[in-house]
PDB file of N, CA and C in Angstrom:
ATOM      1  N   MET A   1     132.544-222.760  12.257  1.00  0.00           N
ATOM      2  CA  MET A   1     131.400-222.257  12.971  1.00  0.00           C
ATOM      3  C   MET A   1     131.822-220.931  13.579  1.00  0.00           C
ATOM      4  N   GLY A   2     131.124-219.920  13.212  1.00  0.00           N
ATOM      5  CA  GLY A   2     131.601-218.563  13.377  1.00  0.00           C
ATOM      6  C   GLY A   2     131.259-217.850  14.650  1.00  0.00           C
ATOM      7  N   GLY A   3     131.191-216.512  14.566  1.00  0.00           N
ATOM      8  CA  GLY A   3     131.050-215.661  15.716  1.00  0.00           C
ATOM      9  C   GLY A   3     129.646-215.157  15.967  1.00  0.00           C
ATOM     10  N   PHE A   4     128.658-215.720  15.343  1.00  0.00           N
ATOM     11  CA  PHE A   4     127.281-215.346  15.647  1.00  0.00           C
ATOM     12  C   PHE A   4     126.453-216.620  15.714  1.00  0.00           C
ATOM     13  N   GLY A   5     125.363-216.563  16.464  1.00  0.00           N
ATOM     14  CA  GLY A   5     124.599-217.772  16.732  1.00  0.00           C
ATOM     15  C   GLY A   5     123.657-218.180  15.615  1.00  0.00           C
ATOM     16  N   LEU A   6     123.617-219.467  15.372  1.00  0.00           N
ATOM     17  CA  LEU A   6     122.703-220.052  14.401  1.00  0.00           C
ATOM     18  C   LEU A   6     122.138-221.346  14.966  1.00  0.00           C
ATOM     19  N   SER A   7     120.960-221.683  14.545  1.00  0.00           N
ATOM     20  CA  SER A   7     120.434-223.004  14.863  1.00  0.00           C
ATOM     21  C   SER A   7     120.339-223.840  13.593  1.00  0.00           C
ATOM     22  N   SER A   8     120.801-223.272  12.497  1.00  0.00           N
ATOM     23  CA  SER A   8     120.731-223.978  11.220  1.00  0.00           C
ATOM     24  C   SER A   8     122.104-224.526  10.837  1.00  0.00           C
ATOM     25  N   ALA A   9     122.088-225.513   9.961  1.00  0.00           N
ATOM     26  CA  ALA A   9     123.317-226.074   9.420  1.00  0.00           C
ATOM     27  C   ALA A   9     123.014-226.601   8.024  1.00  0.00           C
ATOM     28  N   GLU A  10     124.037-226.642   7.185  1.00  0.00           N
ATOM     29  CA  GLU A  10     123.874-227.129   5.828  1.00  0.00           C
ATOM     30  C   GLU A  10     124.991-228.099   5.486  1.00  0.00           C
ATOM     31  N   GLN A  11     124.735-228.919   4.473  1.00  0.00           N
ATOM     32  CA  GLN A  11     125.768-229.822   3.982  1.00  0.00           C
ATOM     33  C   GLN A  11     125.978-229.573   2.492  1.00  0.00           C
ATOM     34  N   TYR A  12     127.217-229.790   2.051  1.00  0.00           N
ATOM     35  CA  TYR A  12     127.565-229.584   0.649  1.00  0.00           C
ATOM     36  C   TYR A  12     127.793-230.935  -0.004  1.00  0.00           C
ATOM     37  N   ASN A  13     127.124-231.179  -1.114  1.00  0.00           N
ATOM     38  CA  ASN A  13     127.277-232.408  -1.871  1.00  0.00           C
ATOM     39  C   ASN A  13     128.290-232.144  -2.981  1.00  0.00           C
ATOM     40  N   THR A  14     129.478-232.742  -2.871  1.00  0.00           N
ATOM     41  CA  THR A  14     130.533-232.491  -3.858  1.00  0.00           C
ATOM     42  C   THR A  14     130.194-233.070  -5.228  1.00  0.00           C
ATOM     43  N   ALA A  15     129.359-234.089  -5.279  1.00  0.00           N
ATOM     44  CA  ALA A  15     128.993-234.701  -6.556  1.00  0.00           C
ATOM     45  C   ALA A  15     128.059-233.805  -7.369  1.00  0.00           C
ATOM     46  N   THR A  16     127.129-233.121  -6.685  1.00  0.00           N
ATOM     47  CA  THR A  16     126.151-232.291  -7.391  1.00  0.00           C
ATOM     48  C   THR A  16     126.478-230.800  -7.337  1.00  0.00           C
ATOM     49  N   GLY A  17     127.367-230.410  -6.412  1.00  0.00           N
ATOM     50  CA  GLY A  17     127.680-228.994  -6.235  1.00  0.00           C
ATOM     51  C   GLY A  17     126.559-228.227  -5.565  1.00  0.00           C
ATOM     52  N   GLN A  18     125.700-228.929  -4.841  1.00  0.00           N
ATOM     53  CA  GLN A  18     124.530-228.314  -4.203  1.00  0.00           C
ATOM     54  C   GLN A  18     124.636-228.327  -2.683  1.00  0.00           C
ATOM     55  N   TRP A  19     124.072-227.296  -2.057  1.00  0.00           N
ATOM     56  CA  TRP A  19     123.925-227.229  -0.608  1.00  0.00           C
ATOM     57  C   TRP A  19     122.522-227.683  -0.241  1.00  0.00           C
ATOM     58  N   SER A  20     122.383-228.347   0.899  1.00  0.00           N
ATOM     59  CA  SER A  20     121.050-228.694   1.416  1.00  0.00           C
ATOM     60  C   SER A  20     121.041-228.502   2.926  1.00  0.00           C
ATOM     61  N   ALA A  21     119.887-228.160   3.443  1.00  0.00           N
ATOM     62  CA  ALA A  21     119.746-227.843   4.868  1.00  0.00           C
ATOM     63  C   ALA A  21     119.549-229.102   5.699  1.00  0.00           C
ATOM     64  N   PHE A  22     120.162-229.103   6.871  1.00  0.00           N
ATOM     65  CA  PHE A  22     119.880-230.096   7.908  1.00  0.00           C
ATOM     66  C   PHE A  22     118.676-229.598   8.700  1.00  0.00           C
ATOM     67  N   PRO A  23     118.027-230.445   9.472  1.00  0.00           N
ATOM     68  CA  PRO A  23     117.007-229.950  10.404  1.00  0.00           C
ATOM     69  C   PRO A  23     117.656-228.969  11.396  1.00  0.00           C
ATOM     70  N   SER A  24     116.903-227.987  11.856  1.00  0.00           N
ATOM     71  CA  SER A  24     117.436-227.010  12.810  1.00  0.00           C
ATOM     72  C   SER A  24     117.834-227.679  14.116  1.00  0.00           C
ATOM     73  N   MET A  25     118.894-227.134  14.715  1.00  0.00           N
ATOM     74  CA  MET A  25     119.307-227.607  16.038  1.00  0.00           C
ATOM     75  C   MET A  25     118.329-227.078  17.078  1.00  0.00           C
ATOM     76  N   ASN A  26     118.315-227.695  18.236  1.00  0.00           N
ATOM     77  CA  ASN A  26     117.416-227.271  19.311  1.00  0.00           C
ATOM     78  C   ASN A  26     117.838-225.953  19.941  1.00  0.00           C
ATOM     79  N   GLU A  27     119.129-225.669  19.930  1.00  0.00           N
ATOM     80  CA  GLU A  27     119.670-224.464  20.564  1.00  0.00           C
ATOM     81  C   GLU A  27     120.458-223.647  19.550  1.00  0.00           C
ATOM     82  N   VAL A  28     120.367-222.321  19.651  1.00  0.00           N
ATOM     83  CA  VAL A  28     121.247-221.451  18.879  1.00  0.00           C
ATOM     84  C   VAL A  28     122.651-221.613  19.435  1.00  0.00           C
ATOM     85  N   GLN A  29     123.636-221.752  18.548  1.00  0.00           N
ATOM     86  CA  GLN A  29     125.011-221.967  19.002  1.00  0.00           C
ATOM     87  C   GLN A  29     125.987-221.176  18.151  1.00  0.00           C
ATOM     88  N   TYR A  30     127.095-220.773  18.769  1.00  0.00           N
ATOM     89  CA  TYR A  30     128.218-220.200  18.043  1.00  0.00           C
ATOM     90  C   TYR A  30     129.493-220.535  18.787  1.00  0.00           C
ATOM     91  N   ARG A  31     130.588-220.519  18.032  1.00  0.00           N
ATOM     92  CA  ARG A  31     131.896-220.939  18.542  1.00  0.00           C
ATOM     93  C   ARG A  31     131.840-222.341  19.142  1.00  0.00           C
ATOM     94  N   CYS A  32     131.080-223.195  18.516  1.00  0.00           N
ATOM     95  CA  CYS A  32     130.977-224.586  18.944  1.00  0.00           C
ATOM     96  C   CYS A  32     131.924-225.428  18.097  1.00  0.00           C
ATOM     97  N   ALA A  33     131.993-226.697  18.390  1.00  0.00           N
ATOM     98  CA  ALA A  33     132.813-227.639  17.635  1.00  0.00           C
ATOM     99  C   ALA A  33     131.915-228.747  17.104  1.00  0.00           C
ATOM    100  N   ALA A  34     132.278-229.280  15.953  1.00  0.00           N
ATOM    101  CA  ALA A  34     131.519-230.384  15.365  1.00  0.00           C
ATOM    102  C   ALA A  34     132.475-231.489  14.956  1.00  0.00           C
ATOM    103  N   ALA A  35     132.004-232.715  15.044  1.00  0.00           N
ATOM    104  CA  ALA A  35     132.797-233.883  14.657  1.00  0.00           C
ATOM    105  C   ALA A  35     131.855-234.984  14.200  1.00  0.00           C
ATOM    106  N   VAL A  36     132.395-235.943  13.466  1.00  0.00           N
ATOM    107  CA  VAL A  36     131.634-237.125  13.075  1.00  0.00           C
ATOM    108  C   VAL A  36     132.093-238.277  13.959  1.00  0.00           C
ATOM    109  N   LEU A  37     131.135-238.946  14.596  1.00  0.00           N
ATOM    110  CA  LEU A  37     131.414-240.069  15.472  1.00  0.00           C
ATOM    111  C   LEU A  37     130.406-241.168  15.170  1.00  0.00           C
ATOM    112  N   ASN A  38     130.894-242.316  14.773  1.00  0.00           N
ATOM    113  CA  ASN A  38     130.025-243.449  14.431  1.00  0.00           C
ATOM    114  C   ASN A  38     128.959-243.066  13.398  1.00  0.00           C
ATOM    115  N   GLY A  39     129.353-242.240  12.431  1.00  0.00           N
ATOM    116  CA  GLY A  39     128.440-241.849  11.362  1.00  0.00           C
ATOM    117  C   GLY A  39     127.457-240.752  11.721  1.00  0.00           C
ATOM    118  N   LYS A  40     127.535-240.243  12.936  1.00  0.00           N
ATOM    119  CA  LYS A  40     126.636-239.170  13.380  1.00  0.00           C
ATOM    120  C   LYS A  40     127.429-237.878  13.540  1.00  0.00           C
ATOM    121  N   ILE A  41     126.767-236.754  13.291  1.00  0.00           N
ATOM    122  CA  ILE A  41     127.403-235.452  13.467  1.00  0.00           C
ATOM    123  C   ILE A  41     127.088-234.960  14.866  1.00  0.00           C
ATOM    124  N   ILE A  42     128.130-234.661  15.625  1.00  0.00           N
ATOM    125  CA  ILE A  42     128.009-234.222  17.011  1.00  0.00           C
ATOM    126  C   ILE A  42     128.453-232.755  17.093  1.00  0.00           C
ATOM    127  N   VAL A  43     127.630-231.905  17.691  1.00  0.00           N
ATOM    128  CA  VAL A  43     127.971-230.496  17.915  1.00  0.00           C
ATOM    129  C   VAL A  43     127.992-230.268  19.422  1.00  0.00           C
ATOM    130  N   VAL A  44     129.116-229.736  19.933  1.00  0.00           N
ATOM    131  CA  VAL A  44     129.260-229.540  21.383  1.00  0.00           C
ATOM    132  C   VAL A  44     129.890-228.187  21.689  1.00  0.00           C
ATOM    133  N   GLY A  45     129.674-227.760  22.931  1.00  0.00           N
ATOM    134  CA  GLY A  45     130.334-226.578  23.458  1.00  0.00           C
ATOM    135  C   GLY A  45     129.873-225.290  22.808  1.00  0.00           C
ATOM    136  N   GLY A  46     130.683-224.282  22.966  1.00  0.00           N
ATOM    137  CA  GLY A  46     130.393-222.973  22.413  1.00  0.00           C
ATOM    138  C   GLY A  46     129.466-222.164  23.297  1.00  0.00           C
ATOM    139  N   TYR A  47     128.800-221.227  22.661  1.00  0.00           N
ATOM    140  CA  TYR A  47     127.929-220.296  23.367  1.00  0.00           C
ATOM    141  C   TYR A  47     126.577-220.241  22.680  1.00  0.00           C
ATOM    142  N   GLY A  48     125.575-219.850  23.420  1.00  0.00           N
ATOM    143  CA  GLY A  48     124.251-219.665  22.865  1.00  0.00           C
ATOM    144  C   GLY A  48     123.347-218.997  23.873  1.00  0.00           C
ATOM    145  N   ASP A  49     122.493-218.149  23.407  1.00  0.00           N
ATOM    146  CA  ASP A  49     121.539-217.458  24.268  1.00  0.00           C
ATOM    147  C   ASP A  49     122.224-216.731  25.420  1.00  0.00           C
ATOM    148  N   GLY A  50     123.398-216.150  25.135  1.00  0.00           N
ATOM    149  CA  GLY A  50     124.112-215.361  26.134  1.00  0.00           C
ATOM    150  C   GLY A  50     124.814-216.158  27.221  1.00  0.00           C
ATOM    151  N   LYS A  51     124.977-217.457  27.043  1.00  0.00           N
ATOM    152  CA  LYS A  51     125.625-218.273  28.074  1.00  0.00           C
ATOM    153  C   LYS A  51     126.477-219.360  27.420  1.00  0.00           C
ATOM    154  N   THR A  52     127.386-219.926  28.205  1.00  0.00           N
ATOM    155  CA  THR A  52     128.205-221.042  27.751  1.00  0.00           C
ATOM    156  C   THR A  52     127.337-222.292  27.653  1.00  0.00           C
ATOM    157  N   GLN A  53     127.446-222.998  26.532  1.00  0.00           N
ATOM    158  CA  GLN A  53     126.689-224.235  26.360  1.00  0.00           C
ATOM    159  C   GLN A  53     127.364-225.365  27.130  1.00  0.00           C
ATOM    160  N   SER A  54     126.585-226.135  27.848  1.00  0.00           N
ATOM    161  CA  SER A  54     127.131-227.284  28.574  1.00  0.00           C
ATOM    162  C   SER A  54     126.524-228.588  28.048  1.00  0.00           C
ATOM    163  N   SER A  55     125.933-228.519  26.868  1.00  0.00           N
ATOM    164  CA  SER A  55     125.319-229.712  26.290  1.00  0.00           C
ATOM    165  C   SER A  55     125.729-229.819  24.823  1.00  0.00           C
ATOM    166  N   GLY A  56     125.285-230.867  24.180  1.00  0.00           N
ATOM    167  CA  GLY A  56     125.584-231.070  22.774  1.00  0.00           C
ATOM    168  C   GLY A  56     124.350-231.558  22.034  1.00  0.00           C
ATOM    169  N   GLU A  57     124.486-231.642  20.726  1.00  0.00           N
ATOM    170  CA  GLU A  57     123.400-232.147  19.891  1.00  0.00           C
ATOM    171  C   GLU A  57     123.969-233.163  18.921  1.00  0.00           C
ATOM    172  N   GLU A  58     123.114-234.080  18.492  1.00  0.00           N
ATOM    173  CA  GLU A  58     123.524-235.155  17.605  1.00  0.00           C
ATOM    174  C   GLU A  58     122.586-235.216  16.404  1.00  0.00           C
ATOM    175  N   TYR A  59     123.168-235.407  15.215  1.00  0.00           N
ATOM    176  CA  TYR A  59     122.372-235.565  13.991  1.00  0.00           C
ATOM    177  C   TYR A  59     122.788-236.866  13.325  1.00  0.00           C
ATOM    178  N   ASP A  60     121.808-237.691  12.995  1.00  0.00           N
ATOM    179  CA  ASP A  60     122.055-238.975  12.340  1.00  0.00           C
ATOM    180  C   ASP A  60     121.578-238.872  10.883  1.00  0.00           C
ATOM    181  N   PRO A  61     122.501-238.825   9.923  1.00  0.00           N
ATOM    182  CA  PRO A  61     122.098-238.685   8.525  1.00  0.00           C
ATOM    183  C   PRO A  61     121.256-239.855   8.013  1.00  0.00           C
ATOM    184  N   THR A  62     121.364-241.020   8.623  1.00  0.00           N
ATOM    185  CA  THR A  62     120.586-242.163   8.140  1.00  0.00           C
ATOM    186  C   THR A  62     119.102-242.038   8.492  1.00  0.00           C
ATOM    187  N   THR A  63     118.797-241.319   9.565  1.00  0.00           N
ATOM    188  CA  THR A  63     117.400-241.132   9.955  1.00  0.00           C
ATOM    189  C   THR A  63     116.901-239.725   9.657  1.00  0.00           C
ATOM    190  N   GLY A  64     117.835-238.789   9.378  1.00  0.00           N
ATOM    191  CA  GLY A  64     117.439-237.407   9.131  1.00  0.00           C
ATOM    192  C   GLY A  64     117.050-236.655  10.383  1.00  0.00           C
ATOM    193  N   ARG A  65     117.431-237.187  11.534  1.00  0.00           N
ATOM    194  CA  ARG A  65     117.091-236.542  12.816  1.00  0.00           C
ATOM    195  C   ARG A  65     118.301-236.447  13.706  1.00  0.00           C
TER     196      ARG A  65
END
């Protein structure tokens, strides 16, 4: 996760060689961290909208939200 803000994210399917978009995050973020926890993708920290982020976002691939 790079040096400019995005609210979008994509996933790569190694079986098909295709990229697909996740739903947009609620906040623009950059220099954040992401991890998988209990099957959900968690994005925390970093910066967005000119300030340090003090919250995180969660994506559940089983529900698509």
